[in-house]
């Protein structure tokens, strides 16, 4: 990015250029990287690329407006201008040959802006994956790192993600979709559900706290589940947050909440207790294991305190008032735990959608 561009604050991140230039530079990076991998994806015609670019612009526009609500009207104008410009030079690659994946780059800043402000970064993480793919083709150090430590570790180190395991997971998944020739293939209905799930859960955890209940409340809101069964489940989840009664040595509350919701669809019923086959119970386990594996892929654990190590760099004892204050001061309910609850809820809805158990209607 140009040195003469001014540095401004957007929420809790610093952008090295003004908002208009930031959006334009981000779009230029997208055009450059799409052009670089276009031969791999001939199905990405001009129309599909334009749809992707518009999704990217709207995504970062949402994040910037949440970061700076006092400037929302001006930001909306800049977003509209950027949207109108899409299509005029979609196939033109940017001239900048420098790496665009490192910490402090425009794609990194866009991802962090989305994370800090609770916007599901689907388009932005896919852009980082494309840039990483392009960079890995010409950077021997990245190729060696992938060979020695795997894609996830290469993404983490190359992109500068120190305590953002969720972003590492999303970029890694997107990178793998490029390798498998499945980039940008999530259907619109599924994306709308996953995005709404993430953002509702992020918002609830930020506002109320109590990870298990916030995930369940988010599911109730998204799918209009207001019957007594769900209200009772919400109440029953009270002591599961904070790794079990705030003791932090048991399962993450968002993980537990996801398992509870799965049980409402395919769990064993009381009247089936004597069923020797137990098919519904087996189905619940199969679906629940998919959530488990996503937690392991992202955090290496499902345990609350170990997830804290991933996102804070330390553990917290919620039964200690000093630790509770330190937990709050470290951003627990700004973006740290909201990100965990948000992505867990998005995984839950993604899995249930894939199983044919939920839909947008």
Protein backbone atom coordinates (compact mmCIF):
# COMPACT_ATOMS: atom_id res chain seq x y z
CA UNK A 1 0.00 0.00 0.00
CA UNK A 2 1.13 3.56 -0.69
CA UNK A 3 3.24 5.23 1.99
CA UNK A 4 1.47 8.58 1.61
CA UNK A 5 -1.88 7.07 2.52
CA UNK A 6 -3.00 8.16 5.96
CA UNK A 7 -3.45 5.83 8.89
CA UNK A 8 -6.94 5.76 10.41
CA UNK A 9 -8.66 3.81 13.16
CA UNK A 10 -11.60 1.54 12.36
CA UNK A 11 -12.92 0.07 15.58
CA UNK A 12 -10.02 -1.77 17.17
CA UNK A 13 -7.82 -2.14 14.08
CA UNK A 14 -5.73 0.36 12.21
CA UNK A 15 -6.09 0.69 8.45
CA UNK A 16 -3.12 2.14 6.62
CA UNK A 17 -5.28 3.98 4.08
CA UNK A 18 -8.61 5.75 4.09
CA UNK A 19 -11.82 3.79 3.72
CA UNK A 20 -12.32 4.48 0.02
CA UNK A 21 -8.77 3.44 -0.84
CA UNK A 22 -9.01 0.46 1.51
CA UNK A 23 -12.04 -0.95 -0.33
CA UNK A 24 -10.48 -0.24 -3.72
CA UNK A 25 -7.15 -1.84 -2.79
CA UNK A 26 -8.97 -4.90 -1.41
CA UNK A 27 -10.95 -5.28 -4.64
CA UNK A 28 -7.74 -4.87 -6.66
CA UNK A 29 -6.16 -7.68 -4.64
CA UNK A 30 -9.18 -9.85 -5.36
CA UNK A 31 -9.00 -9.13 -9.09
CA UNK A 32 -5.26 -9.83 -9.13
CA UNK A 33 -5.54 -13.15 -7.35
CA UNK A 34 -8.64 -14.32 -9.22
CA UNK A 35 -6.81 -13.57 -12.46
CA UNK A 36 -3.79 -15.53 -11.23
CA UNK A 37 -5.79 -18.69 -10.57
CA UNK A 38 -8.36 -18.21 -13.31
CA UNK A 39 -6.90 -21.00 -15.45
CA UNK A 40 -7.60 -23.41 -12.61
CA UNK A 41 -11.22 -22.27 -12.42
CA UNK A 42 -12.56 -21.64 -15.93
CA UNK A 43 -16.06 -21.87 -14.44
CA UNK A 44 -15.40 -18.49 -12.78
CA UNK A 45 -16.71 -16.47 -15.70
CA UNK A 46 -17.15 -12.70 -15.55
CA UNK A 47 -20.64 -13.01 -14.08
CA UNK A 48 -19.54 -15.27 -11.21
CA UNK A 49 -16.47 -13.17 -10.52
CA UNK A 50 -18.62 -10.07 -10.36
CA UNK A 51 -20.94 -11.77 -7.86
CA UNK A 52 -17.93 -12.73 -5.73
CA UNK A 53 -16.48 -9.20 -5.82
CA UNK A 54 -19.84 -7.72 -4.84
CA UNK A 55 -20.07 -10.17 -1.96
CA UNK A 56 -16.57 -9.16 -0.86
CA UNK A 57 -17.41 -5.45 -1.03
CA UNK A 58 -20.64 -5.89 0.93
CA UNK A 59 -18.84 -8.04 3.52
CA UNK A 60 -16.08 -5.53 4.26
CA UNK A 61 -18.61 -2.71 4.02
CA UNK A 62 -20.66 -4.30 6.81
CA UNK A 63 -17.56 -4.68 8.96
CA UNK A 64 -16.38 -1.10 8.41
CA UNK A 65 -19.83 0.31 9.21
CA UNK A 66 -19.99 -1.67 12.45
CA UNK A 67 -16.49 -0.51 13.32
CA UNK A 68 -17.39 3.14 12.72
CA UNK A 69 -21.19 3.58 12.99
CA UNK A 70 -20.87 7.37 13.15
CA UNK A 71 -19.54 7.26 9.59
CA UNK A 72 -22.12 4.79 8.30
CA UNK A 73 -23.70 7.06 5.68
CA UNK A 74 -20.37 7.94 4.07
CA UNK A 75 -19.28 4.31 4.17
CA UNK A 76 -22.52 3.26 2.47
CA UNK A 77 -21.77 5.70 -0.34
CA UNK A 78 -18.27 4.28 -0.79
CA UNK A 79 -19.65 0.74 -0.85
CA UNK A 80 -22.22 1.72 -3.49
CA UNK A 81 -19.53 3.33 -5.64
CA UNK A 82 -17.37 0.23 -5.37
CA UNK A 83 -20.31 -1.99 -6.28
CA UNK A 84 -21.11 0.15 -9.32
CA UNK A 85 -17.49 -0.08 -10.48
CA UNK A 86 -17.49 -3.88 -10.45
CA UNK A 87 -17.49 -5.24 -13.97
CA UNK A 88 -15.65 -2.38 -15.60
CA UNK A 89 -12.25 -4.04 -15.20
CA UNK A 90 -12.97 -7.39 -13.58
CA UNK A 91 -10.45 -9.26 -15.69
CA UNK A 92 -7.60 -6.77 -15.24
CA UNK A 93 -4.92 -7.93 -12.81
CA UNK A 94 -3.26 -5.46 -10.46
CA UNK A 95 0.36 -4.51 -11.18
CA UNK A 96 1.58 -5.07 -7.63
CA UNK A 97 3.65 -8.25 -7.52
CA UNK A 98 4.40 -8.05 -3.79
CA UNK A 99 3.02 -10.62 -1.38
CA UNK A 100 -0.39 -9.62 -0.07
CA UNK A 101 -0.84 -12.24 2.65
CA UNK A 102 1.29 -10.94 5.52
CA UNK A 103 0.10 -9.30 8.72
CA UNK A 104 -0.62 -5.65 8.02
CA UNK A 105 -1.60 -6.26 4.41
CA UNK A 106 -4.99 -5.21 3.14
CA UNK A 107 -6.43 -8.76 3.16
CA UNK A 108 -5.18 -9.38 6.70
CA UNK A 109 -6.68 -6.07 7.85
CA UNK A 110 -9.98 -6.93 6.19
CA UNK A 111 -10.13 -10.31 7.93
CA UNK A 112 -9.34 -8.81 11.32
CA UNK A 113 -11.91 -6.07 10.75
CA UNK A 114 -14.56 -8.70 10.03
CA UNK A 115 -13.54 -10.70 13.10
CA UNK A 116 -13.50 -7.73 15.46
CA UNK A 117 -16.94 -6.63 14.31
CA UNK A 118 -18.72 -9.96 14.11
CA UNK A 119 -19.09 -10.25 10.33
CA UNK A 120 -18.78 -13.73 8.85
CA UNK A 121 -15.67 -13.46 6.63
CA UNK A 122 -16.58 -15.92 3.88
CA UNK A 123 -15.46 -13.83 0.91
CA UNK A 124 -12.47 -12.35 2.72
CA UNK A 125 -11.13 -15.71 3.92
CA UNK A 126 -11.53 -17.09 0.40
CA UNK A 127 -9.54 -14.12 -0.90
CA UNK A 128 -6.75 -14.79 1.61
CA UNK A 129 -6.76 -18.44 0.53
CA UNK A 130 -6.43 -17.44 -3.12
CA UNK A 131 -3.58 -15.04 -2.30
CA UNK A 132 -1.89 -17.74 -0.21
CA UNK A 133 -2.27 -20.24 -3.06
CA UNK A 134 -0.69 -17.79 -5.53
CA UNK A 135 2.13 -16.92 -3.12
CA UNK A 136 2.85 -20.58 -2.37
CA UNK A 137 3.40 -21.22 -6.08
CA UNK A 138 6.35 -18.82 -6.17
CA UNK A 139 7.63 -18.83 -2.59
CA UNK A 140 9.80 -21.85 -1.81
CA UNK A 141 9.77 -21.12 1.92
CA UNK A 142 5.98 -21.47 2.07
CA UNK A 143 6.14 -24.66 0.01
CA UNK A 144 8.77 -26.10 2.38
CA UNK A 145 6.71 -25.11 5.42
CA UNK A 146 3.62 -26.80 3.99
CA UNK A 147 5.63 -29.93 3.33
CA UNK A 148 7.11 -29.99 6.82
CA UNK A 149 4.22 -28.77 8.99
CA UNK A 150 1.09 -28.90 6.84
CA UNK A 151 -1.15 -26.30 5.25
CA UNK A 152 -2.70 -25.04 8.48
CA UNK A 153 0.63 -24.21 10.09
CA UNK A 154 1.85 -22.62 6.87
CA UNK A 155 -1.25 -20.41 6.77
CA UNK A 156 -0.84 -19.45 10.42
CA UNK A 157 2.81 -18.47 10.10
CA UNK A 158 2.73 -16.95 6.62
CA UNK A 159 -0.35 -14.82 7.27
CA UNK A 160 0.64 -13.75 10.79
CA UNK A 161 -2.37 -15.25 12.58
CA UNK A 162 -1.08 -15.49 16.15
CA UNK A 163 -4.28 -15.94 18.16
CA UNK A 164 -6.90 -16.28 15.42
CA UNK A 165 -7.35 -20.07 15.08
CA UNK A 166 -10.80 -19.58 13.55
CA UNK A 167 -9.36 -17.51 10.70
CA UNK A 168 -6.60 -20.08 10.20
CA UNK A 169 -9.29 -22.76 9.94
CA UNK A 170 -11.40 -20.80 7.45
CA UNK A 171 -8.45 -19.87 5.22
CA UNK A 172 -7.13 -23.43 5.32
CA UNK A 173 -10.52 -24.84 4.35
CA UNK A 174 -10.77 -22.34 1.51
CA UNK A 175 -7.24 -23.19 0.34
CA UNK A 176 -8.11 -26.89 0.32
CA UNK A 177 -11.19 -26.10 -1.77
CA UNK A 178 -8.91 -24.42 -4.33
CA UNK A 179 -6.67 -27.49 -4.46
CA UNK A 180 -9.77 -29.69 -4.85
CA UNK A 181 -11.20 -27.44 -7.59
CA UNK A 182 -14.20 -26.57 -5.40
CA UNK A 183 -13.43 -22.93 -4.66
CA UNK A 184 -16.46 -20.67 -4.06
CA UNK A 185 -18.97 -23.47 -4.48
CA UNK A 186 -21.05 -22.99 -1.31
CA UNK A 187 -24.66 -22.61 -2.42
CA UNK A 188 -26.39 -19.31 -1.68
CA UNK A 189 -28.98 -20.73 0.73
CA UNK A 190 -26.34 -22.48 2.81
CA UNK A 191 -24.13 -19.38 2.91
CA UNK A 192 -27.04 -17.20 4.02
CA UNK A 193 -27.79 -19.61 6.89
CA UNK A 194 -24.17 -19.96 7.99
CA UNK A 195 -23.58 -16.20 7.84
CA UNK A 196 -26.72 -15.43 9.85
CA UNK A 197 -25.84 -18.15 12.37
CA UNK A 198 -22.35 -16.79 12.95
CA UNK A 199 -23.38 -13.17 13.27
CA UNK A 200 -26.37 -13.80 15.56
CA UNK A 201 -24.28 -15.92 17.94
CA UNK A 202 -21.38 -13.44 17.90
CA UNK A 203 -23.83 -10.65 18.75
CA UNK A 204 -25.51 -12.59 21.58
CA UNK A 205 -22.25 -13.67 23.21
CA UNK A 206 -20.94 -10.10 23.00
CA UNK A 207 -24.09 -8.73 24.62
CA UNK A 208 -25.10 -11.36 27.16
CA UNK A 209 -22.26 -13.83 27.79
CA UNK A 210 -22.94 -17.43 28.76
CA UNK A 211 -21.69 -19.34 25.72
CA UNK A 212 -24.02 -22.34 25.83
CA UNK A 213 -27.19 -20.33 26.25
CA UNK A 214 -26.08 -17.78 23.66
CA UNK A 215 -25.61 -20.49 21.04
CA UNK A 216 -29.01 -21.99 21.83
CA UNK A 217 -30.68 -18.56 21.86
CA UNK A 218 -29.12 -17.81 18.47
CA UNK A 219 -30.46 -21.03 16.99
CA UNK A 220 -33.91 -20.25 18.41
CA UNK A 221 -33.82 -16.80 16.81
CA UNK A 222 -32.56 -17.85 13.37
CA UNK A 223 -35.06 -20.70 13.03
CA UNK A 224 -37.93 -19.21 15.05
CA UNK A 225 -37.87 -21.95 17.68
CA UNK A 226 -39.99 -20.44 20.44
CA UNK A 227 -41.80 -23.50 21.76
CA UNK A 228 -41.49 -24.65 25.35
CA UNK A 229 -39.03 -27.41 24.44
CA UNK A 230 -36.41 -24.90 23.35
CA UNK A 231 -37.13 -22.50 26.19
CA UNK A 232 -36.62 -25.33 28.67
CA UNK A 233 -33.42 -26.41 26.91
CA UNK A 234 -32.16 -22.82 27.11
CA UNK A 235 -32.74 -22.78 30.88
CA UNK A 236 -31.23 -26.24 31.29
CA UNK A 237 -28.00 -25.05 29.69
CA UNK A 238 -27.29 -22.45 32.40
CA UNK A 239 -24.51 -24.34 34.19
CA UNK A 240 -22.70 -25.55 31.06
CA UNK A 241 -21.00 -22.27 30.18
CA UNK A 242 -17.39 -21.55 31.02
CA UNK A 243 -16.32 -25.16 30.62
CA UNK A 244 -18.96 -26.41 33.05
CA UNK A 245 -20.22 -24.15 35.86
CA UNK A 246 -17.41 -21.71 35.11
CA UNK A 247 -14.76 -24.23 36.16
CA UNK A 248 -13.22 -24.21 32.65
CA UNK A 249 -11.92 -27.79 32.84
CA UNK A 250 -14.74 -29.37 30.85
CA UNK A 251 -16.14 -28.95 27.35
CA UNK A 252 -16.49 -25.51 25.80
CA UNK A 253 -20.02 -24.26 26.41
CA UNK A 254 -20.57 -23.55 22.71
CA UNK A 255 -19.57 -27.14 21.95
CA UNK A 256 -22.02 -28.43 24.56
CA UNK A 257 -24.78 -26.20 23.23
CA UNK A 258 -24.28 -27.49 19.70
CA UNK A 259 -24.60 -31.07 20.94
CA UNK A 260 -27.82 -30.19 22.77
CA UNK A 261 -29.36 -28.70 19.63
CA UNK A 262 -28.38 -31.76 17.58
CA UNK A 263 -30.23 -33.90 20.10
CA UNK A 264 -33.49 -32.05 19.44
CA UNK A 265 -33.39 -33.33 15.86
CA UNK A 266 -32.02 -36.85 16.13
CA UNK A 267 -31.55 -37.62 19.82
CA UNK A 268 -32.90 -40.72 21.53
CA UNK A 269 -36.38 -40.18 22.96
CA UNK A 270 -37.52 -41.44 26.35
CA UNK A 271 -40.11 -43.71 24.76
CA UNK A 272 -37.32 -45.33 22.72
CA UNK A 273 -35.15 -46.12 25.72
CA UNK A 274 -35.66 -49.87 25.34
CA UNK A 275 -35.00 -49.80 21.58
CA UNK A 276 -32.15 -52.29 21.07
CA UNK A 277 -31.09 -50.63 17.81
CA UNK A 278 -30.86 -47.08 19.11
CA UNK A 279 -30.66 -45.67 15.61
CA UNK A 280 -31.55 -42.11 16.61
CA UNK A 281 -28.83 -42.12 19.25
CA UNK A 282 -26.30 -43.39 16.72
CA UNK A 283 -27.31 -40.67 14.27
CA UNK A 284 -26.85 -38.02 16.96
CA UNK A 285 -23.34 -39.32 17.58
CA UNK A 286 -22.43 -39.32 13.89
CA UNK A 287 -23.60 -35.71 13.46
CA UNK A 288 -22.06 -34.63 16.76
CA UNK A 289 -18.71 -36.07 15.73
CA UNK A 290 -18.65 -33.65 12.79
CA UNK A 291 -18.82 -30.73 15.22
CA UNK A 292 -16.18 -32.39 17.39
CA UNK A 293 -13.82 -32.76 14.45
CA UNK A 294 -14.19 -29.10 13.47
CA UNK A 295 -13.26 -28.08 17.03
CA UNK A 296 -10.22 -30.35 16.92
CA UNK A 297 -9.18 -29.05 13.49
CA UNK A 298 -9.45 -25.46 14.73
CA UNK A 299 -8.40 -25.52 18.39
CA UNK A 300 -6.89 -28.96 18.86
CA UNK A 301 -9.33 -29.48 21.73
CA UNK A 302 -12.91 -29.16 22.91
CA UNK A 303 -11.93 -28.14 26.46
CA UNK A 304 -12.64 -24.58 27.56
CA UNK A 305 -9.31 -23.78 29.21
CA UNK A 306 -7.32 -25.23 26.31
CA UNK A 307 -9.29 -23.12 23.85
CA UNK A 308 -8.34 -20.15 26.04
CA UNK A 309 -4.70 -21.04 25.48
CA UNK A 310 -5.37 -20.82 21.75
CA UNK A 311 -7.13 -17.46 21.71
CA UNK A 312 -5.71 -15.66 24.77
CA UNK A 313 -2.36 -17.34 25.22
CA UNK A 314 -3.29 -18.31 28.79
CA UNK A 315 -5.97 -19.94 30.93
CA UNK A 316 -8.42 -18.22 33.29
CA UNK A 317 -9.93 -19.46 36.53
CA UNK A 318 -13.47 -18.08 36.62
CA UNK A 319 -13.72 -18.86 40.33
CA UNK A 320 -11.00 -16.30 40.97
CA UNK A 321 -12.13 -12.65 40.83
CA UNK A 322 -8.74 -11.41 39.63
CA UNK A 323 -8.79 -13.91 36.77
CA UNK A 324 -12.39 -13.03 35.92
CA UNK A 325 -11.42 -9.39 35.55
CA UNK A 326 -8.34 -10.31 33.49
CA UNK A 327 -10.57 -12.45 31.27
CA UNK A 328 -12.88 -9.52 30.61
CA UNK A 329 -10.00 -7.09 30.09
CA UNK A 330 -8.44 -9.46 27.53
CA UNK A 331 -11.44 -9.01 25.25
CA UNK A 332 -13.42 -12.05 26.31
CA UNK A 333 -16.74 -10.55 25.30
CA UNK A 334 -15.51 -8.22 22.60
CA UNK A 335 -14.39 -10.72 19.98
CA UNK A 336 -12.62 -13.68 21.62
CA UNK A 337 -15.47 -15.80 23.00
CA UNK A 338 -18.00 -14.32 20.55
CA UNK A 339 -15.81 -15.69 17.74
CA UNK A 340 -15.82 -19.16 19.31
CA UNK A 341 -19.60 -19.14 19.83
CA UNK A 342 -20.18 -17.65 16.40
CA UNK A 343 -18.13 -20.18 14.50
CA UNK A 344 -19.49 -23.09 16.58
CA UNK A 345 -23.03 -22.01 15.70
CA UNK A 346 -22.09 -21.64 12.04
CA UNK A 347 -20.65 -25.18 12.09
CA UNK A 348 -23.79 -26.51 13.75
CA UNK A 349 -26.01 -24.97 11.09
CA UNK A 350 -23.69 -26.06 8.29
CA UNK A 351 -23.78 -29.67 9.48
CA UNK A 352 -27.56 -29.67 10.03
CA UNK A 353 -28.05 -28.15 6.58
CA UNK A 354 -25.85 -30.78 4.96
CA UNK A 355 -27.89 -33.47 6.74
CA UNK A 356 -31.12 -32.01 5.32
CA UNK A 357 -32.42 -31.14 8.79
CA UNK A 358 -32.73 -27.36 8.32
CA UNK A 359 -33.29 -24.93 5.46
CA UNK A 360 -33.69 -21.19 4.99
CA UNK A 361 -37.45 -21.58 4.76
